[in-house]
Amino acid sequence: MAGNVWEWCNDWAESYTSGSRTDPTGPSPGTFCILRGGAWDNAGSELRSPDRATYTPDYRNEELGFRCVRR
């Protein structure tokens, strides 16, 4: 799935701490949202789910999208 568009996450951005964390959500609320995965115009080495980008929630362009999830 990586490489189509950067995927918006339901997390606010913050710096990683030195300790191990599972599924961090960041501060609530925040200023910047997390995007993961890379887009169609990134190099192959950059198309990984750990790769992160941050933008304000109102930012839009052709490299950003989201994935629908169903329980």
N, C-alpha and C. Protein backbone atom coordinates (compact mmCIF):
# COMPACT_ATOMS: atom_id res chain seq x y z
N MET A 1 0.82 -1.21 0.00
CA MET A 1 0.00 0.00 0.00
C MET A 1 0.85 1.26 0.00
N ALA A 2 2.08 1.18 0.49
CA ALA A 2 2.92 2.38 0.51
C ALA A 2 3.24 2.81 -0.91
N GLY A 3 3.30 4.09 -1.12
CA GLY A 3 3.71 4.61 -2.41
C GLY A 3 2.60 5.20 -3.25
N ASN A 4 1.36 5.02 -2.89
CA ASN A 4 0.27 5.66 -3.63
C ASN A 4 0.18 7.12 -3.21
N VAL A 5 -0.22 7.36 -1.98
CA VAL A 5 -0.26 8.71 -1.40
C VAL A 5 0.15 8.61 0.07
N TRP A 6 0.64 9.71 0.61
CA TRP A 6 0.86 9.78 2.06
C TRP A 6 -0.49 9.62 2.73
N GLU A 7 -0.57 8.81 3.77
CA GLU A 7 -1.84 8.56 4.44
C GLU A 7 -1.96 9.39 5.72
N TRP A 8 -3.06 10.15 5.80
CA TRP A 8 -3.36 10.89 7.03
C TRP A 8 -3.59 9.88 8.15
N CYS A 9 -3.04 10.15 9.31
CA CYS A 9 -3.28 9.33 10.51
C CYS A 9 -4.10 10.14 11.50
N ASN A 10 -4.78 9.48 12.38
CA ASN A 10 -5.58 10.16 13.39
C ASN A 10 -4.72 10.47 14.61
N ASP A 11 -3.55 11.03 14.37
CA ASP A 11 -2.58 11.34 15.43
C ASP A 11 -2.05 12.75 15.24
N TRP A 12 -1.82 13.42 16.34
CA TRP A 12 -1.16 14.72 16.31
C TRP A 12 0.34 14.50 16.43
N ALA A 13 1.13 15.36 15.82
CA ALA A 13 2.59 15.21 15.79
C ALA A 13 3.23 15.63 17.10
N GLU A 14 4.25 14.88 17.48
CA GLU A 14 5.15 15.24 18.57
C GLU A 14 6.44 14.49 18.34
N SER A 15 7.51 14.91 19.00
CA SER A 15 8.79 14.23 18.87
C SER A 15 8.72 12.88 19.57
N TYR A 16 9.43 11.91 19.00
CA TYR A 16 9.51 10.60 19.65
C TYR A 16 10.33 10.71 20.92
N THR A 17 9.95 9.95 21.93
CA THR A 17 10.74 9.87 23.15
C THR A 17 11.77 8.76 22.98
N SER A 18 12.71 8.67 23.90
CA SER A 18 13.76 7.67 23.79
C SER A 18 13.27 6.26 24.13
N GLY A 19 12.18 6.15 24.87
CA GLY A 19 11.67 4.84 25.26
C GLY A 19 10.79 4.22 24.18
N SER A 20 10.53 2.95 24.31
CA SER A 20 9.67 2.23 23.37
C SER A 20 8.21 2.55 23.65
N ARG A 21 7.44 2.79 22.57
CA ARG A 21 6.01 3.07 22.71
C ARG A 21 5.25 2.32 21.63
N THR A 22 4.09 1.84 21.97
CA THR A 22 3.24 1.16 21.00
C THR A 22 2.06 2.06 20.66
N ASP A 23 1.86 2.32 19.38
CA ASP A 23 0.75 3.12 18.89
C ASP A 23 0.63 4.49 19.57
N PRO A 24 1.69 5.32 19.51
CA PRO A 24 1.61 6.65 20.12
C PRO A 24 0.60 7.53 19.39
N THR A 25 -0.12 8.36 20.12
CA THR A 25 -1.11 9.23 19.50
C THR A 25 -0.72 10.71 19.54
N GLY A 26 0.32 11.04 20.25
CA GLY A 26 0.74 12.43 20.32
C GLY A 26 -0.14 13.24 21.24
N PRO A 27 0.10 14.55 21.30
CA PRO A 27 -0.69 15.40 22.20
C PRO A 27 -2.13 15.53 21.72
N SER A 28 -2.98 15.95 22.60
CA SER A 28 -4.38 16.14 22.24
C SER A 28 -4.85 17.47 22.78
N PRO A 29 -5.22 18.44 22.01
CA PRO A 29 -5.05 18.50 20.56
C PRO A 29 -3.65 18.97 20.20
N GLY A 30 -3.36 19.03 18.92
CA GLY A 30 -2.06 19.48 18.45
C GLY A 30 -2.23 20.45 17.31
N THR A 31 -1.11 20.77 16.66
CA THR A 31 -1.12 21.69 15.53
C THR A 31 -0.94 20.96 14.21
N PHE A 32 -0.07 19.95 14.21
CA PHE A 32 0.26 19.22 12.99
C PHE A 32 -0.20 17.77 13.11
N CYS A 33 -0.74 17.24 12.01
CA CYS A 33 -1.15 15.83 11.95
C CYS A 33 -0.07 15.00 11.28
N ILE A 34 -0.05 13.73 11.61
CA ILE A 34 0.92 12.79 11.05
C ILE A 34 0.42 12.19 9.74
N LEU A 35 1.32 12.06 8.78
CA LEU A 35 1.08 11.30 7.56
C LEU A 35 2.16 10.23 7.48
N ARG A 36 1.81 9.07 6.93
CA ARG A 36 2.77 7.97 6.83
C ARG A 36 2.76 7.34 5.45
N GLY A 37 3.90 6.73 5.10
CA GLY A 37 3.97 5.82 3.97
C GLY A 37 4.63 6.29 2.70
N GLY A 38 4.68 7.56 2.42
CA GLY A 38 5.26 8.03 1.18
C GLY A 38 4.26 8.07 0.04
N ALA A 39 4.61 8.77 -1.02
CA ALA A 39 3.71 8.97 -2.15
C ALA A 39 4.36 8.50 -3.45
N TRP A 40 3.62 8.59 -4.51
CA TRP A 40 4.04 8.11 -5.82
C TRP A 40 5.31 8.78 -6.34
N ASP A 41 5.64 9.97 -5.86
CA ASP A 41 6.82 10.66 -6.36
C ASP A 41 8.03 10.54 -5.44
N ASN A 42 7.94 9.72 -4.37
CA ASN A 42 9.08 9.48 -3.49
C ASN A 42 9.96 8.36 -4.04
N ALA A 43 11.23 8.37 -3.65
CA ALA A 43 12.15 7.28 -4.02
C ALA A 43 11.69 5.99 -3.34
N GLY A 44 11.98 4.85 -3.93
CA GLY A 44 11.58 3.56 -3.38
C GLY A 44 12.05 3.34 -1.96
N SER A 45 13.22 3.86 -1.60
CA SER A 45 13.75 3.70 -0.24
C SER A 45 12.95 4.50 0.79
N GLU A 46 12.12 5.44 0.34
CA GLU A 46 11.32 6.27 1.24
C GLU A 46 9.90 5.76 1.41
N LEU A 47 9.55 4.67 0.76
CA LEU A 47 8.18 4.15 0.81
C LEU A 47 8.06 3.11 1.90
N ARG A 48 8.01 3.58 3.14
CA ARG A 48 7.93 2.68 4.29
C ARG A 48 6.93 3.26 5.29
N SER A 49 6.18 2.40 5.96
CA SER A 49 5.19 2.90 6.93
C SER A 49 5.82 3.69 8.08
N PRO A 50 7.08 3.41 8.50
CA PRO A 50 7.65 4.24 9.56
C PRO A 50 7.98 5.67 9.13
N ASP A 51 8.08 5.93 7.82
CA ASP A 51 8.38 7.29 7.37
C ASP A 51 7.20 8.20 7.68
N ARG A 52 7.51 9.37 8.27
CA ARG A 52 6.46 10.29 8.70
C ARG A 52 6.64 11.65 8.06
N ALA A 53 5.54 12.31 7.86
CA ALA A 53 5.51 13.72 7.46
C ALA A 53 4.46 14.39 8.33
N THR A 54 4.52 15.70 8.44
CA THR A 54 3.53 16.43 9.24
C THR A 54 3.02 17.64 8.46
N TYR A 55 1.73 17.86 8.56
CA TYR A 55 1.09 19.03 7.96
C TYR A 55 -0.07 19.46 8.86
N THR A 56 -0.52 20.68 8.67
CA THR A 56 -1.72 21.12 9.37
C THR A 56 -2.92 20.40 8.75
N PRO A 57 -3.96 20.14 9.51
CA PRO A 57 -5.10 19.35 9.00
C PRO A 57 -5.80 19.94 7.78
N ASP A 58 -5.63 21.22 7.52
CA ASP A 58 -6.30 21.83 6.36
C ASP A 58 -5.45 21.81 5.09
N TYR A 59 -4.24 21.24 5.14
CA TYR A 59 -3.35 21.19 3.98
C TYR A 59 -3.84 20.14 2.98
N ARG A 60 -3.80 20.44 1.69
CA ARG A 60 -4.23 19.51 0.65
C ARG A 60 -3.27 19.56 -0.53
N ASN A 61 -3.01 18.40 -1.12
CA ASN A 61 -2.33 18.30 -2.42
C ASN A 61 -2.52 16.90 -2.98
N GLU A 62 -2.02 16.66 -4.20
CA GLU A 62 -2.25 15.38 -4.88
C GLU A 62 -1.47 14.21 -4.30
N GLU A 63 -0.58 14.45 -3.33
CA GLU A 63 0.21 13.38 -2.72
C GLU A 63 -0.39 12.88 -1.41
N LEU A 64 -1.50 13.46 -0.96
CA LEU A 64 -2.06 13.11 0.35
C LEU A 64 -3.41 12.42 0.19
N GLY A 65 -3.68 11.44 1.05
CA GLY A 65 -4.95 10.74 1.02
C GLY A 65 -5.21 10.05 2.34
N PHE A 66 -6.11 9.11 2.35
CA PHE A 66 -6.40 8.36 3.57
C PHE A 66 -6.88 6.97 3.20
N ARG A 67 -6.87 6.08 4.16
CA ARG A 67 -7.34 4.71 3.95
C ARG A 67 -8.59 4.50 4.78
N CYS A 68 -9.62 3.99 4.17
CA CYS A 68 -10.85 3.67 4.90
C CYS A 68 -10.66 2.34 5.64
N VAL A 69 -11.15 2.30 6.86
CA VAL A 69 -11.03 1.09 7.68
C VAL A 69 -12.40 0.67 8.14
N ARG A 70 -12.65 -0.61 8.09
CA ARG A 70 -13.94 -1.14 8.52
C ARG A 70 -13.71 -2.23 9.55
N ARG A 71 -14.48 -2.19 10.61
CA ARG A 71 -14.38 -3.25 11.62
C ARG A 71 -15.17 -4.45 11.22
